[in-house]
Amino acid sequence: MDDKLTSDEKKTLLRVAREAMEHGVRSEKLPALDLESMPPRLREEGASFITLTIHGNLRGCIGALEPYQPLVQDVQEHALAAALEDPRFPPVMVDELEKIEIEISRLTVPERLTYTDAEDLLAKLRPHVDGVILRDGFRRATFLPQVWEKLPDKAEFLDNLCYKMGTAPDTWRRKALEVLTYQVEEFHE
């Protein structure tokens, strides 16, 4: 990602994410975003994933794969959703707020990865660099590049991604799936 965010832009996004999460968990109205006062890059369309952790354990993660709204709005929306709408977890409670660490991943636009077979796919994956999206008909799932830290083996990474997508773990070996990759700029509190 060539156009890295400045430290001030990152601080602004982290503040917006924290405010959205805290207001949402407390059932308060979200603070209005004054887009005009935001730096130009935060007003540009951008896609983000917001990951919430407590002591390193996942507590919520929701985001967008394609940009469709200003980055700052995307961060606000997904911070709220990660806290309250991740189907894998109950909504964040007020007493958890001070323990939660927020991580923001700003995504590049996904690009199709062309490959010939399972071995070629394994050869073309770039652990710790690429986030991966698998699509099989109407099903799809993604792992951010940070997931490579927990699943460094390429085959195990793809098995788990197929499982997340709701298909058999070896689906990627048995049929051609649509594979897209993207990179992230990740920062956290």
Protein backbone atom coordinates (compact mmCIF):
# COMPACT_ATOMS: atom_id res chain seq x y z
CA MET A 1 0.00 0.00 0.00
CA ASP A 2 1.80 3.08 -1.25
CA ASP A 3 -0.23 5.88 0.31
CA LYS A 4 0.18 5.11 4.00
CA LEU A 5 -1.92 7.07 6.47
CA THR A 6 -0.20 9.64 8.65
CA SER A 7 -0.08 9.10 12.41
CA ASP A 8 -2.70 11.87 12.82
CA GLU A 9 -5.03 10.17 10.33
CA LYS A 10 -4.61 6.86 12.18
CA LYS A 11 -5.35 8.56 15.53
CA THR A 12 -8.49 10.14 14.06
CA LEU A 13 -9.73 6.78 12.77
CA LEU A 14 -8.98 5.05 16.09
CA ARG A 15 -10.83 7.81 17.97
CA VAL A 16 -13.84 7.52 15.63
CA ALA A 17 -13.85 3.72 16.08
CA ARG A 18 -13.60 3.97 19.88
CA GLU A 19 -16.40 6.58 20.07
CA ALA A 20 -18.66 4.51 17.81
CA MET A 21 -18.09 1.35 19.86
CA GLU A 22 -18.58 3.07 23.21
CA HIS A 23 -21.70 5.00 22.15
CA GLY A 24 -23.20 1.90 20.53
CA VAL A 25 -22.57 -0.35 23.53
CA ARG A 26 -24.12 2.28 25.80
CA SER A 27 -27.11 2.62 23.40
CA GLU A 28 -26.27 6.29 22.85
CA LYS A 29 -26.63 8.17 19.58
CA LEU A 30 -23.43 8.08 17.51
CA PRO A 31 -21.55 11.35 17.25
CA ALA A 32 -22.15 12.94 13.85
CA LEU A 33 -19.15 12.82 11.53
CA ASP A 34 -18.19 16.22 10.18
CA LEU A 35 -16.74 15.01 6.90
CA GLU A 36 -15.68 18.53 5.87
CA SER A 37 -13.33 18.75 8.86
CA MET A 38 -11.70 15.39 8.05
CA PRO A 39 -8.40 15.10 6.17
CA PRO A 40 -8.98 14.46 2.44
CA ARG A 41 -7.80 10.82 2.57
CA LEU A 42 -10.33 9.96 5.27
CA ARG A 43 -13.10 11.37 3.07
CA GLU A 44 -12.07 9.19 0.11
CA GLU A 45 -13.89 5.89 -0.38
CA GLY A 46 -12.15 3.17 1.58
CA ALA A 47 -12.73 -0.33 2.92
CA SER A 48 -11.83 -1.37 6.44
CA PHE A 49 -12.09 -4.22 8.90
CA ILE A 50 -12.36 -3.51 12.60
CA THR A 51 -11.01 -6.19 14.92
CA LEU A 52 -11.78 -6.10 18.64
CA THR A 53 -9.67 -8.12 21.06
CA ILE A 54 -9.48 -8.61 24.82
CA HIS A 55 -6.04 -9.79 26.01
CA GLY A 56 -5.26 -10.92 22.46
CA ASN A 57 -8.45 -12.97 22.10
CA LEU A 58 -10.88 -12.11 19.31
CA ARG A 59 -14.04 -10.34 20.55
CA GLY A 60 -15.47 -9.16 17.23
CA CYS A 61 -14.39 -8.52 13.65
CA ILE A 62 -16.50 -7.00 10.88
CA GLY A 63 -15.65 -5.02 7.78
CA ALA A 64 -16.03 -4.41 4.09
CA LEU A 65 -14.02 -5.91 1.24
CA GLU A 66 -14.84 -3.21 -1.31
CA PRO A 67 -14.88 0.56 -0.78
CA TYR A 68 -18.37 2.12 -1.01
CA GLN A 69 -18.28 5.06 1.42
CA PRO A 70 -15.75 7.49 2.93
CA LEU A 71 -13.08 5.61 4.91
CA VAL A 72 -13.90 7.43 8.16
CA GLN A 73 -17.58 6.44 7.82
CA ASP A 74 -16.58 2.85 6.99
CA VAL A 75 -14.50 2.70 10.19
CA GLN A 76 -17.34 4.15 12.28
CA GLU A 77 -19.92 1.73 10.85
CA HIS A 78 -17.76 -1.36 11.24
CA ALA A 79 -16.53 -0.51 14.75
CA LEU A 80 -20.16 -0.38 15.83
CA ALA A 81 -20.96 -3.63 13.97
CA ALA A 82 -17.91 -5.45 15.38
CA ALA A 83 -19.05 -4.58 18.90
CA LEU A 84 -22.73 -5.39 18.49
CA GLU A 85 -23.37 -7.54 15.41
CA ASP A 86 -20.63 -10.17 15.00
CA PRO A 87 -22.74 -13.36 14.97
CA ARG A 88 -19.92 -15.35 16.58
CA PHE A 89 -20.13 -13.35 19.83
CA PRO A 90 -22.70 -11.80 22.14
CA PRO A 91 -22.80 -7.98 21.96
CA VAL A 92 -20.00 -6.23 23.84
CA MET A 93 -21.05 -5.22 27.34
CA VAL A 94 -20.27 -1.88 29.03
CA ASP A 95 -17.94 -3.55 31.55
CA GLU A 96 -15.79 -4.89 28.68
CA LEU A 97 -15.14 -1.51 27.02
CA GLU A 98 -11.97 -0.60 28.91
CA LYS A 99 -10.45 -4.04 28.18
CA ILE A 100 -11.05 -3.94 24.43
CA GLU A 101 -8.25 -3.07 22.04
CA ILE A 102 -9.26 -1.83 18.59
CA GLU A 103 -7.32 -2.75 15.47
CA ILE A 104 -8.11 -1.16 12.13
CA SER A 105 -7.17 -2.75 8.81
CA ARG A 106 -7.43 -0.51 5.75
CA LEU A 107 -7.76 -2.69 2.65
CA THR A 108 -6.49 -2.33 -0.88
CA VAL A 109 -8.98 -3.21 -3.63
CA PRO A 110 -9.05 -7.03 -3.98
CA GLU A 111 -7.51 -8.50 -7.15
CA ARG A 112 -8.31 -11.84 -8.74
CA LEU A 113 -5.58 -14.46 -8.35
CA THR A 114 -5.35 -16.71 -11.39
CA TYR A 115 -4.11 -20.24 -10.77
CA THR A 116 -4.22 -23.60 -12.53
CA ASP A 117 -4.62 -26.11 -9.69
CA ALA A 118 -4.26 -26.54 -5.92
CA GLU A 119 -0.44 -26.71 -6.06
CA ASP A 120 -0.26 -23.54 -8.17
CA LEU A 121 -2.60 -21.79 -5.73
CA LEU A 122 -0.35 -22.73 -2.80
CA ALA A 123 2.70 -21.49 -4.71
CA LYS A 124 1.11 -18.11 -5.42
CA LEU A 125 -0.13 -17.30 -1.90
CA ARG A 126 2.02 -14.83 0.04
CA PRO A 127 1.75 -15.50 3.79
CA HIS A 128 1.76 -12.42 6.04
CA VAL A 129 1.33 -10.19 2.94
CA ASP A 130 -1.99 -11.12 1.35
CA GLY A 131 -5.46 -11.28 2.76
CA VAL A 132 -7.42 -13.93 0.89
CA ILE A 133 -11.05 -14.04 -0.24
CA LEU A 134 -12.54 -17.33 -1.42
CA ARG A 135 -15.78 -17.39 -3.39
CA ASP A 136 -17.83 -20.44 -4.31
CA GLY A 137 -21.10 -19.42 -5.90
CA PHE A 138 -22.95 -17.27 -3.36
CA ARG A 139 -20.64 -18.27 -0.49
CA ARG A 140 -17.58 -16.26 0.38
CA ALA A 141 -15.18 -15.77 3.25
CA THR A 142 -12.00 -13.86 3.94
CA PHE A 143 -9.03 -13.94 6.26
CA LEU A 144 -7.03 -10.77 6.82
CA PRO A 145 -3.24 -11.07 6.39
CA GLN A 146 -2.92 -11.04 10.20
CA VAL A 147 -4.53 -14.53 10.31
CA TRP A 148 -1.30 -15.98 8.86
CA GLU A 149 0.21 -15.48 12.34
CA LYS A 150 -2.16 -18.13 13.73
CA LEU A 151 -2.33 -20.27 10.56
CA PRO A 152 1.12 -20.04 8.89
CA ASP A 153 0.68 -23.26 6.86
CA LYS A 154 -0.84 -22.37 3.47
CA ALA A 155 -2.94 -25.55 3.18
CA GLU A 156 -4.23 -25.20 6.76
CA PHE A 157 -5.00 -21.51 6.07
CA LEU A 158 -7.12 -22.47 3.02
CA ASP A 159 -8.78 -25.39 4.87
CA ASN A 160 -9.87 -23.01 7.63
CA LEU A 161 -11.03 -20.40 5.13
CA CYS A 162 -13.20 -23.00 3.34
CA TYR A 163 -14.63 -24.03 6.72
CA LYS A 164 -15.39 -20.37 7.50
CA MET A 165 -17.12 -20.12 4.08
CA GLY A 166 -19.35 -23.05 5.06
CA THR A 167 -17.87 -25.69 2.77
CA ALA A 168 -15.71 -28.76 3.38
CA PRO A 169 -12.15 -27.80 4.36
CA ASP A 170 -10.66 -29.49 1.27
CA THR A 171 -12.98 -27.71 -1.21
CA TRP A 172 -10.05 -25.62 -2.49
CA ARG A 173 -8.25 -28.86 -3.49
CA ARG A 174 -11.24 -30.40 -5.27
CA LYS A 175 -12.63 -27.52 -7.34
CA ALA A 176 -11.62 -24.18 -8.78
CA LEU A 177 -12.74 -21.41 -6.46
CA GLU A 178 -12.62 -17.72 -7.20
CA VAL A 179 -9.64 -16.43 -5.23
CA LEU A 180 -8.91 -12.75 -4.62
CA THR A 181 -6.08 -11.21 -2.64
CA TYR A 182 -5.60 -7.83 -1.01
CA GLN A 183 -3.18 -6.14 1.35
CA VAL A 184 -3.84 -4.11 4.47
CA GLU A 185 -2.42 -1.23 6.39
CA GLU A 186 -2.98 -2.32 9.99
CA PHE A 187 -2.75 -0.18 13.11
CA HIS A 188 -4.18 -0.38 16.61
CA GLU A 189 -4.58 1.42 19.89
